[in-house]
Amino acid sequence: MKYILGIVVVFSSVFGGYYFHGGDLGVMWQPYEYWIIGGAAIGAFLIANPIGVVMGVFKSIPSLLKGSKYKSEDYLDLLALMYKLFTKARKEGLMAVESDIDEPESSEIFQAHQRVLKDHHAMEFITDYMRLIISGSMNPHELDALMDLDLETHHEEAHQPAHAVHRVAEALPGFGIIAAVLGIVMTMGRLDGSVSEIGSSVAAALVGSLLGILMAYGFAGPTSTALESRAQEEAKFLQCIKACILANVQGYSPQVAVEFGRKTMEGALRPTFAELEEHVKGA
């Protein structure tokens, strides 16, 4: 909702200010200018990016309508899940959680935490590294290095849609200039017409330049930033999982291990120590 509100505020401010200053909104309706700028931007976007990134952009933008992906409840659910897994492994041995890791959909522990179970990347991260721990073939330092490599790869992949949209934002003013130049070319062919006809043609050309700049800085640029913030949110969630798992591998108790995860959370989302303790033990 915040995303839609922002777009409405940007465009209503620009066109509303223009209208109340005495401008004619009818002049702004230049469908061929929209066609030139929009079509060129989409074409360049398709040329520049592999199909996976293109599909990633179209899948990611609708998610911006829902606001932040992770809330305090998501982190509490995650930490409660990690606490249960670590407690079971501590009491019954690592092999006791093997069935939970191999088949999380049928695990009572995972089924009790649907927020995490529905998160594909978080589930993949948890199950992959818990399997490595169960195999007993890696020490904490090797596991830490592997996790960093995994997170770096994920970071680059998650930021590709944001980078693709950012490149479109950089190109839009140029496409606006192209539309304006084409409008001036058409105007030059009408110099034998009336003054009002020439003036209308020049106004249409300038609208193209305006639209290119407005779409770049009022829509595509902010959308790129929003997609980047969404990728950062997911990276922070995975960092929380990493901190918990590494603390557990290093021999800390389940309560202390999830406290490591709590420390990675942003201040606005982070519960107090007492709140976390009450939640995980209640869960």
C-alpha atoms as a PDB file:
ATOM      1  CA  MET A   1       0.000   0.000   0.000  1.00  0.00           C
ATOM      2  CA  LYS A   2       2.859   2.400   0.818  1.00  0.00           C
ATOM      3  CA  TYR A   3       4.288   1.766  -2.653  1.00  0.00           C
ATOM      4  CA  ILE A   4       1.016   2.742  -4.370  1.00  0.00           C
ATOM      5  CA  LEU A   5       0.608   5.748  -2.079  1.00  0.00           C
ATOM      6  CA  GLY A   6       4.079   6.982  -2.987  1.00  0.00           C
ATOM      7  CA  ILE A   7       3.387   6.740  -6.726  1.00  0.00           C
ATOM      8  CA  VAL A   8       0.066   8.569  -6.313  1.00  0.00           C
ATOM      9  CA  VAL A   9       1.732  11.356  -4.300  1.00  0.00           C
ATOM     10  CA  VAL A  10       4.500  11.808  -6.906  1.00  0.00           C
ATOM     11  CA  PHE A  11       2.238  12.027  -9.943  1.00  0.00           C
ATOM     12  CA  SER A  12      -0.556  13.970  -8.243  1.00  0.00           C
ATOM     13  CA  SER A  13       1.975  16.511  -6.966  1.00  0.00           C
ATOM     14  CA  VAL A  14       3.533  17.036 -10.398  1.00  0.00           C
ATOM     15  CA  PHE A  15       0.370  17.130 -12.488  1.00  0.00           C
ATOM     16  CA  GLY A  16      -1.731  18.703  -9.720  1.00  0.00           C
ATOM     17  CA  GLY A  17       0.766  21.535  -9.321  1.00  0.00           C
ATOM     18  CA  TYR A  18       0.835  21.987 -13.096  1.00  0.00           C
ATOM     19  CA  TYR A  19      -2.973  22.086 -13.302  1.00  0.00           C
ATOM     20  CA  PHE A  20      -3.529  24.501 -10.424  1.00  0.00           C
ATOM     21  CA  HIS A  21      -0.846  26.759 -11.864  1.00  0.00           C
ATOM     22  CA  GLY A  22      -3.063  27.128 -14.916  1.00  0.00           C
ATOM     23  CA  GLY A  23      -1.785  24.299 -17.089  1.00  0.00           C
ATOM     24  CA  ASP A  24      -3.946  22.289 -19.460  1.00  0.00           C
ATOM     25  CA  LEU A  25      -3.880  18.602 -18.510  1.00  0.00           C
ATOM     26  CA  GLY A  26      -5.153  17.710 -21.990  1.00  0.00           C
ATOM     27  CA  VAL A  27      -1.754  18.660 -23.400  1.00  0.00           C
ATOM     28  CA  MET A  28      -0.185  15.910 -21.266  1.00  0.00           C
ATOM     29  CA  TRP A  29      -2.140  13.214 -23.073  1.00  0.00           C
ATOM     30  CA  GLN A  30       0.288  12.338 -25.842  1.00  0.00           C
ATOM     31  CA  PRO A  31      -0.171   8.585 -26.429  1.00  0.00           C
ATOM     32  CA  TYR A  32       2.575   8.393 -29.061  1.00  0.00           C
ATOM     33  CA  GLU A  33       5.093   9.859 -26.611  1.00  0.00           C
ATOM     34  CA  TYR A  34       4.127   7.191 -24.067  1.00  0.00           C
ATOM     35  CA  TRP A  35       4.476   4.593 -26.782  1.00  0.00           C
ATOM     36  CA  ILE A  36       7.954   5.738 -27.831  1.00  0.00           C
ATOM     37  CA  ILE A  37       9.350   6.059 -24.305  1.00  0.00           C
ATOM     38  CA  GLY A  38       7.666   3.017 -22.781  1.00  0.00           C
ATOM     39  CA  GLY A  39       8.338   0.753 -25.749  1.00  0.00           C
ATOM     40  CA  ALA A  40      12.000   1.760 -25.996  1.00  0.00           C
ATOM     41  CA  ALA A  41      12.508   1.260 -22.248  1.00  0.00           C
ATOM     42  CA  ILE A  42      10.912  -2.192 -22.297  1.00  0.00           C
ATOM     43  CA  GLY A  43      12.878  -3.197 -25.393  1.00  0.00           C
ATOM     44  CA  ALA A  44      16.191  -2.085 -23.872  1.00  0.00           C
ATOM     45  CA  PHE A  45      15.269  -3.899 -20.643  1.00  0.00           C
ATOM     46  CA  LEU A  46      14.692  -7.139 -22.570  1.00  0.00           C
ATOM     47  CA  ILE A  47      17.953  -6.767 -24.502  1.00  0.00           C
ATOM     48  CA  ALA A  48      20.048  -6.088 -21.418  1.00  0.00           C
ATOM     49  CA  ASN A  49      18.829  -8.851 -19.095  1.00  0.00           C
ATOM     50  CA  PRO A  50      18.575 -12.658 -19.226  1.00  0.00           C
ATOM     51  CA  ILE A  51      15.080 -14.111 -19.071  1.00  0.00           C
ATOM     52  CA  GLY A  52      15.532 -15.136 -15.437  1.00  0.00           C
ATOM     53  CA  VAL A  53      16.139 -11.531 -14.372  1.00  0.00           C
ATOM     54  CA  VAL A  54      13.222 -10.307 -16.506  1.00  0.00           C
ATOM     55  CA  MET A  55      10.868 -12.767 -14.825  1.00  0.00           C
ATOM     56  CA  GLY A  56      12.379 -11.902 -11.440  1.00  0.00           C
ATOM     57  CA  VAL A  57      11.514  -8.225 -11.929  1.00  0.00           C
ATOM     58  CA  PHE A  58       7.920  -8.958 -12.912  1.00  0.00           C
ATOM     59  CA  LYS A  59       7.551 -11.256  -9.901  1.00  0.00           C
ATOM     60  CA  SER A  60       9.223  -8.878  -7.462  1.00  0.00           C
ATOM     61  CA  ILE A  61       7.373  -5.649  -8.241  1.00  0.00           C
ATOM     62  CA  PRO A  62       3.915  -6.964  -7.150  1.00  0.00           C
ATOM     63  CA  SER A  63       5.471  -8.029  -3.828  1.00  0.00           C
ATOM     64  CA  LEU A  64       6.196  -4.360  -3.101  1.00  0.00           C
ATOM     65  CA  LEU A  65       2.457  -3.785  -2.725  1.00  0.00           C
ATOM     66  CA  LYS A  66       2.467  -5.923   0.428  1.00  0.00           C
ATOM     67  CA  GLY A  67       4.990  -3.843   2.355  1.00  0.00           C
ATOM     68  CA  SER A  68       7.914  -5.324   4.303  1.00  0.00           C
ATOM     69  CA  LYS A  69       8.320  -9.059   3.882  1.00  0.00           C
ATOM     70  CA  TYR A  70       9.652  -9.701   7.380  1.00  0.00           C
ATOM     71  CA  LYS A  71       8.083  -8.434  10.575  1.00  0.00           C
ATOM     72  CA  SER A  72       8.948  -9.007  14.223  1.00  0.00           C
ATOM     73  CA  GLU A  73       6.589 -12.011  14.302  1.00  0.00           C
ATOM     74  CA  ASP A  74       8.526 -13.685  11.482  1.00  0.00           C
ATOM     75  CA  TYR A  75      11.784 -13.396  13.409  1.00  0.00           C
ATOM     76  CA  LEU A  76      10.193 -14.669  16.616  1.00  0.00           C
ATOM     77  CA  ASP A  77       8.766 -17.622  14.708  1.00  0.00           C
ATOM     78  CA  LEU A  78      12.201 -18.346  13.234  1.00  0.00           C
ATOM     79  CA  LEU A  79      13.990 -18.155  16.591  1.00  0.00           C
ATOM     80  CA  ALA A  80      11.402 -20.398  18.232  1.00  0.00           C
ATOM     81  CA  LEU A  81      11.920 -22.952  15.444  1.00  0.00           C
ATOM     82  CA  MET A  82      15.697 -22.849  15.817  1.00  0.00           C
ATOM     83  CA  TYR A  83      15.355 -23.187  19.600  1.00  0.00           C
ATOM     84  CA  LYS A  84      13.232 -26.325  19.195  1.00  0.00           C
ATOM     85  CA  LEU A  85      15.644 -27.901  16.709  1.00  0.00           C
ATOM     86  CA  PHE A  86      18.682 -27.189  18.875  1.00  0.00           C
ATOM     87  CA  THR A  87      16.955 -28.397  22.041  1.00  0.00           C
ATOM     88  CA  LYS A  88      15.891 -31.657  20.426  1.00  0.00           C
ATOM     89  CA  ALA A  89      19.385 -32.221  19.026  1.00  0.00           C
ATOM     90  CA  ARG A  90      20.952 -31.458  22.422  1.00  0.00           C
ATOM     91  CA  LYS A  91      18.677 -33.825  24.344  1.00  0.00           C
ATOM     92  CA  GLU A  92      18.318 -36.684  21.855  1.00  0.00           C
ATOM     93  CA  GLY A  93      21.381 -36.315  19.639  1.00  0.00           C
ATOM     94  CA  LEU A  94      21.848 -34.819  16.177  1.00  0.00           C
ATOM     95  CA  MET A  95      20.408 -37.866  14.434  1.00  0.00           C
ATOM     96  CA  ALA A  96      17.090 -37.193  16.178  1.00  0.00           C
ATOM     97  CA  VAL A  97      16.471 -34.126  14.002  1.00  0.00           C
ATOM     98  CA  GLU A  98      17.477 -35.824  10.742  1.00  0.00           C
ATOM     99  CA  SER A  99      13.894 -36.773   9.889  1.00  0.00           C
ATOM    100  CA  ASP A 100      12.759 -33.187  10.618  1.00  0.00           C
ATOM    101  CA  ILE A 101      15.385 -31.821   8.254  1.00  0.00           C
ATOM    102  CA  ASP A 102      14.797 -34.370   5.490  1.00  0.00           C
ATOM    103  CA  GLU A 103      10.994 -34.056   5.545  1.00  0.00           C
ATOM    104  CA  PRO A 104      10.101 -30.665   7.055  1.00  0.00           C
ATOM    105  CA  GLU A 105       6.578 -30.771   5.593  1.00  0.00           C
ATOM    106  CA  SER A 106       5.755 -33.728   7.867  1.00  0.00           C
ATOM    107  CA  SER A 107       7.769 -32.509  10.861  1.00  0.00           C
ATOM    108  CA  GLU A 108       5.837 -31.377  13.929  1.00  0.00           C
ATOM    109  CA  ILE A 109       8.523 -28.798  14.655  1.00  0.00           C
ATOM    110  CA  PHE A 110       8.350 -27.151  11.232  1.00  0.00           C
ATOM    111  CA  GLN A 111       4.582 -27.498  10.959  1.00  0.00           C
ATOM    112  CA  ALA A 112       4.216 -25.385  14.093  1.00  0.00           C
ATOM    113  CA  HIS A 113       6.055 -22.526  12.374  1.00  0.00           C
ATOM    114  CA  GLN A 114       4.280 -21.887   9.101  1.00  0.00           C
ATOM    115  CA  ARG A 115       5.847 -18.468   8.556  1.00  0.00           C
ATOM    116  CA  VAL A 116       9.250 -20.084   8.152  1.00  0.00           C
ATOM    117  CA  LEU A 117       7.966 -23.196   6.379  1.00  0.00           C
ATOM    118  CA  LYS A 118       6.494 -21.048   3.593  1.00  0.00           C
ATOM    119  CA  ASP A 119       9.766 -19.179   3.056  1.00  0.00           C
ATOM    120  CA  HIS A 120      11.614 -21.152   0.377  1.00  0.00           C
ATOM    121  CA  HIS A 121      15.022 -19.514   0.797  1.00  0.00           C
ATOM    122  CA  ALA A 122      14.993 -19.696   4.585  1.00  0.00           C
ATOM    123  CA  MET A 123      13.967 -23.360   4.528  1.00  0.00           C
ATOM    124  CA  GLU A 124      16.657 -24.211   2.004  1.00  0.00           C
ATOM    125  CA  PHE A 125      19.280 -22.435   4.107  1.00  0.00           C
ATOM    126  CA  ILE A 126      18.235 -24.150   7.346  1.00  0.00           C
ATOM    127  CA  THR A 127      17.938 -27.661   5.935  1.00  0.00           C
ATOM    128  CA  ASP A 128      21.145 -27.514   3.880  1.00  0.00           C
ATOM    129  CA  TYR A 129      23.349 -26.474   6.786  1.00  0.00           C
ATOM    130  CA  MET A 130      21.664 -28.652   9.364  1.00  0.00           C
ATOM    131  CA  ARG A 131      22.366 -31.625   7.071  1.00  0.00           C
ATOM    132  CA  LEU A 132      26.037 -30.641   6.961  1.00  0.00           C
ATOM    133  CA  ILE A 133      26.105 -30.424  10.752  1.00  0.00           C
ATOM    134  CA  ILE A 134      24.432 -33.824  11.109  1.00  0.00           C
ATOM    135  CA  SER A 135      27.016 -35.340   8.767  1.00  0.00           C
ATOM    136  CA  GLY A 136      29.694 -34.059  11.171  1.00  0.00           C
ATOM    137  CA  SER A 137      32.163 -33.373   8.389  1.00  0.00           C
ATOM    138  CA  MET A 138      32.734 -29.610   8.908  1.00  0.00           C
ATOM    139  CA  ASN A 139      34.160 -27.518  11.728  1.00  0.00           C
ATOM    140  CA  PRO A 140      32.679 -24.107  12.670  1.00  0.00           C
ATOM    141  CA  HIS A 141      35.280 -22.118  10.695  1.00  0.00           C
ATOM    142  CA  GLU A 142      34.688 -24.071   7.505  1.00  0.00           C
ATOM    143  CA  LEU A 143      30.938 -23.785   7.996  1.00  0.00           C
ATOM    144  CA  ASP A 144      31.217 -20.014   8.541  1.00  0.00           C
ATOM    145  CA  ALA A 145      33.226 -19.572   5.322  1.00  0.00           C
ATOM    146  CA  LEU A 146      30.782 -21.691   3.336  1.00  0.00           C
ATOM    147  CA  MET A 147      27.819 -19.738   4.693  1.00  0.00           C
ATOM    148  CA  ASP A 148      29.464 -16.448   3.749  1.00  0.00           C
ATOM    149  CA  LEU A 149      30.025 -17.713   0.217  1.00  0.00           C
ATOM    150  CA  ASP A 150      26.411 -18.879   0.009  1.00  0.00           C
ATOM    151  CA  LEU A 151      25.087 -15.547   1.313  1.00  0.00           C
ATOM    152  CA  GLU A 152      27.275 -13.607  -1.106  1.00  0.00           C
ATOM    153  CA  THR A 153      25.922 -15.619  -4.040  1.00  0.00           C
ATOM    154  CA  HIS A 154      22.374 -15.137  -2.817  1.00  0.00           C
ATOM    155  CA  HIS A 155      23.025 -11.410  -2.320  1.00  0.00           C
ATOM    156  CA  GLU A 156      24.151 -10.977  -5.918  1.00  0.00           C
ATOM    157  CA  GLU A 157      21.195 -12.932  -7.269  1.00  0.00           C
ATOM    158  CA  ALA A 158      18.634 -11.138  -5.072  1.00  0.00           C
ATOM    159  CA  HIS A 159      19.896  -7.719  -6.179  1.00  0.00           C
ATOM    160  CA  GLN A 160      19.710  -8.440  -9.914  1.00  0.00           C
ATOM    161  CA  PRO A 161      16.076  -7.225 -10.309  1.00  0.00           C
ATOM    162  CA  ALA A 162      16.916  -3.971  -8.504  1.00  0.00           C
ATOM    163  CA  HIS A 163      19.971  -3.399 -10.693  1.00  0.00           C
ATOM    164  CA  ALA A 164      17.969  -4.129 -13.850  1.00  0.00           C
ATOM    165  CA  VAL A 165      15.271  -1.591 -12.936  1.00  0.00           C
ATOM    166  CA  HIS A 166      17.950   0.933 -11.949  1.00  0.00           C
ATOM    167  CA  ARG A 167      19.494   0.693 -15.427  1.00  0.00           C
ATOM    168  CA  VAL A 168      16.055   1.366 -16.946  1.00  0.00           C
ATOM    169  CA  ALA A 169      15.732   4.429 -14.693  1.00  0.00           C
ATOM    170  CA  GLU A 170      19.073   5.706 -15.981  1.00  0.00           C
ATOM    171  CA  ALA A 171      17.957   5.231 -19.603  1.00  0.00           C
ATOM    172  CA  LEU A 172      14.487   6.806 -19.347  1.00  0.00           C
ATOM    173  CA  PRO A 173      15.608  10.481 -19.541  1.00  0.00           C
ATOM    174  CA  GLY A 174      17.507   9.593 -22.732  1.00  0.00           C
ATOM    175  CA  PHE A 175      14.422   7.982 -24.235  1.00  0.00           C
ATOM    176  CA  GLY A 176      12.465  11.107 -23.253  1.00  0.00           C
ATOM    177  CA  ILE A 177      14.960  13.204 -25.220  1.00  0.00           C
ATOM    178  CA  ILE A 178      14.548  10.869 -28.207  1.00  0.00           C
ATOM    179  CA  ALA A 179      10.768  11.341 -28.057  1.00  0.00           C
ATOM    180  CA  ALA A 180      11.233  15.127 -27.792  1.00  0.00           C
ATOM    181  CA  VAL A 181      13.616  15.216 -30.759  1.00  0.00           C
ATOM    182  CA  LEU A 182      11.181  13.205 -32.863  1.00  0.00           C
ATOM    183  CA  GLY A 183       8.479  15.685 -31.886  1.00  0.00           C
ATOM    184  CA  ILE A 184      10.663  18.602 -32.984  1.00  0.00           C
ATOM    185  CA  VAL A 185      11.384  16.824 -36.282  1.00  0.00           C
ATOM    186  CA  MET A 186       7.638  16.551 -36.853  1.00  0.00           C
ATOM    187  CA  THR A 187       7.240  20.221 -35.911  1.00  0.00           C
ATOM    188  CA  MET A 188       9.839  21.285 -38.456  1.00  0.00           C
ATOM    189  CA  GLY A 189       7.729  19.619 -41.130  1.00  0.00           C
ATOM    190  CA  ARG A 190       4.752  21.762 -40.110  1.00  0.00           C
ATOM    191  CA  LEU A 191       6.359  25.187 -40.191  1.00  0.00           C
ATOM    192  CA  ASP A 192       3.903  26.286 -42.861  1.00  0.00           C
ATOM    193  CA  GLY A 193       1.012  25.681 -40.459  1.00  0.00           C
ATOM    194  CA  SER A 194      -0.638  28.064 -38.037  1.00  0.00           C
ATOM    195  CA  VAL A 195       1.041  29.335 -34.889  1.00  0.00           C
ATOM    196  CA  SER A 196      -1.323  27.341 -32.679  1.00  0.00           C
ATOM    197  CA  GLU A 197      -0.590  24.148 -34.605  1.00  0.00           C
ATOM    198  CA  ILE A 198       3.173  24.656 -34.301  1.00  0.00           C
ATOM    199  CA  GLY A 199       2.829  25.517 -30.608  1.00  0.00           C
ATOM    200  CA  SER A 200       0.799  22.376 -29.957  1.00  0.00           C
ATOM    201  CA  SER A 201       3.392  20.246 -31.742  1.00  0.00           C
ATOM    202  CA  VAL A 202       6.270  21.748 -29.726  1.00  0.00           C
ATOM    203  CA  ALA A 203       4.314  21.213 -26.487  1.00  0.00           C
ATOM    204  CA  ALA A 204       3.798  17.548 -27.396  1.00  0.00           C
ATOM    205  CA  ALA A 205       7.541  17.165 -28.019  1.00  0.00           C
ATOM    206  CA  LEU A 206       8.414  18.691 -24.649  1.00  0.00           C
ATOM    207  CA  VAL A 207       5.952  16.375 -22.927  1.00  0.00           C
ATOM    208  CA  GLY A 208       8.124  13.477 -24.106  1.00  0.00           C
ATOM    209  CA  SER A 209      11.177  14.898 -22.344  1.00  0.00           C
ATOM    210  CA  LEU A 210       9.107  15.565 -19.220  1.00  0.00           C
ATOM    211  CA  LEU A 211       7.716  12.021 -19.144  1.00  0.00           C
ATOM    212  CA  GLY A 212      11.151  10.436 -19.510  1.00  0.00           C
ATOM    213  CA  ILE A 213      12.544  12.369 -16.552  1.00  0.00           C
ATOM    214  CA  LEU A 214       9.420  11.912 -14.428  1.00  0.00           C
ATOM    215  CA  MET A 215       9.249   8.162 -15.043  1.00  0.00           C
ATOM    216  CA  ALA A 216      12.962   7.837 -14.204  1.00  0.00           C
ATOM    217  CA  TYR A 217      12.986   9.778 -10.938  1.00  0.00           C
ATOM    218  CA  GLY A 218       9.371   9.352  -9.870  1.00  0.00           C
ATOM    219  CA  PHE A 219       8.794   5.668 -10.616  1.00  0.00           C
ATOM    220  CA  ALA A 220      11.663   3.492 -11.927  1.00  0.00           C
ATOM    221  CA  GLY A 221      14.349   4.889  -9.596  1.00  0.00           C
ATOM    222  CA  PRO A 222      12.282   4.540  -6.392  1.00  0.00           C
ATOM    223  CA  THR A 223      11.122   1.087  -7.509  1.00  0.00           C
ATOM    224  CA  SER A 224      14.754   0.017  -7.892  1.00  0.00           C
ATOM    225  CA  THR A 225      15.536   1.260  -4.380  1.00  0.00           C
ATOM    226  CA  ALA A 226      12.488  -0.540  -2.975  1.00  0.00           C
ATOM    227  CA  LEU A 227      13.550  -3.815  -4.630  1.00  0.00           C
ATOM    228  CA  GLU A 228      17.032  -3.399  -3.190  1.00  0.00           C
ATOM    229  CA  SER A 229      15.594  -2.865   0.291  1.00  0.00           C
ATOM    230  CA  ARG A 230      13.482  -6.011  -0.119  1.00  0.00           C
ATOM    231  CA  ALA A 231      16.612  -8.000  -1.026  1.00  0.00           C
ATOM    232  CA  GLN A 232      18.395  -6.590   2.030  1.00  0.00           C
ATOM    233  CA  GLU A 233      15.511  -7.708   4.264  1.00  0.00           C
ATOM    234  CA  GLU A 234      15.860 -11.270   3.034  1.00  0.00           C
ATOM    235  CA  ALA A 235      19.640 -11.149   3.505  1.00  0.00           C
ATOM    236  CA  LYS A 236      19.179 -10.037   7.133  1.00  0.00           C
ATOM    237  CA  PHE A 237      16.774 -12.927   7.748  1.00  0.00           C
ATOM    238  CA  LEU A 238      19.337 -15.413   6.447  1.00  0.00           C
ATOM    239  CA  GLN A 239      22.048 -13.741   8.536  1.00  0.00           C
ATOM    240  CA  CYS A 240      19.907 -14.391  11.605  1.00  0.00           C
ATOM    241  CA  ILE A 241      19.716 -18.092  10.720  1.00  0.00           C
ATOM    242  CA  LYS A 242      23.469 -18.198  10.157  1.00  0.00           C
ATOM    243  CA  ALA A 243      24.206 -16.651  13.565  1.00  0.00           C
ATOM    244  CA  CYS A 244      21.968 -19.183  15.342  1.00  0.00           C
ATOM    245  CA  ILE A 245      23.435 -22.215  13.574  1.00  0.00           C
ATOM    246  CA  LEU A 246      27.049 -21.157  14.087  1.00  0.00           C
ATOM    247  CA  ALA A 247      26.470 -20.462  17.782  1.00  0.00           C
ATOM    248  CA  ASN A 248      24.903 -23.890  18.177  1.00  0.00           C
ATOM    249  CA  VAL A 249      27.816 -25.587  16.383  1.00  0.00           C
ATOM    250  CA  GLN A 250      30.255 -23.782  18.666  1.00  0.00           C
ATOM    251  CA  GLY A 251      28.597 -25.430  21.655  1.00  0.00           C
ATOM    252  CA  TYR A 252      26.360 -22.703  23.053  1.00  0.00           C
ATOM    253  CA  SER A 253      23.063 -23.695  24.644  1.00  0.00           C
ATOM    254  CA  PRO A 254      19.881 -23.332  22.550  1.00  0.00           C
ATOM    255  CA  GLN A 255      18.818 -20.251  24.535  1.00  0.00           C
ATOM    256  CA  VAL A 256      22.165 -18.528  23.936  1.00  0.00           C
ATOM    257  CA  ALA A 257      22.286 -19.653  20.281  1.00  0.00           C
ATOM    258  CA  VAL A 258      19.003 -17.913  19.462  1.00  0.00           C
ATOM    259  CA  GLU A 259      20.253 -14.870  21.381  1.00  0.00           C
ATOM    260  CA  PHE A 260      23.049 -14.659  18.792  1.00  0.00           C
ATOM    261  CA  GLY A 261      20.334 -14.547  16.151  1.00  0.00           C
ATOM    262  CA  ARG A 262      18.432 -11.840  18.030  1.00  0.00           C
ATOM    263  CA  LYS A 263      21.511  -9.629  17.972  1.00  0.00           C
ATOM    264  CA  THR A 264      21.528  -9.599  14.150  1.00  0.00           C
ATOM    265  CA  MET A 265      18.013  -8.115  13.991  1.00  0.00           C
ATOM    266  CA  GLU A 266      17.339  -4.446  13.270  1.00  0.00           C
ATOM    267  CA  GLY A 267      16.431  -2.366  16.299  1.00  0.00           C
ATOM    268  CA  ALA A 268      12.848  -1.745  15.132  1.00  0.00           C
ATOM    269  CA  LEU A 269      12.186  -5.503  14.908  1.00  0.00           C
ATOM    270  CA  ARG A 270      14.332  -6.812  17.751  1.00  0.00           C
ATOM    271  CA  PRO A 271      12.504  -8.110  20.839  1.00  0.00           C
ATOM    272  CA  THR A 272      14.032  -7.766  24.284  1.00  0.00           C
ATOM    273  CA  PHE A 273      15.923 -10.666  25.839  1.00  0.00           C
ATOM    274  CA  ALA A 274      12.987 -11.364  28.177  1.00  0.00           C
ATOM    275  CA  GLU A 275      10.448 -11.262  25.331  1.00  0.00           C
ATOM    276  CA  LEU A 276      12.483 -13.717  23.277  1.00  0.00           C
ATOM    277  CA  GLU A 277      12.983 -16.050  26.225  1.00  0.00           C
ATOM    278  CA  GLU A 278       9.272 -16.040  27.022  1.00  0.00           C
ATOM    279  CA  HIS A 279       8.354 -16.641  23.390  1.00  0.00           C
ATOM    280  CA  VAL A 280      10.707 -19.538  22.649  1.00  0.00           C
ATOM    281  CA  LYS A 281       9.950 -21.333  25.893  1.00  0.00           C
ATOM    282  CA  GLY A 282       6.225 -20.765  25.433  1.00  0.00           C
ATOM    283  CA  ALA A 283       6.460 -22.110  21.895  1.00  0.00           C
END
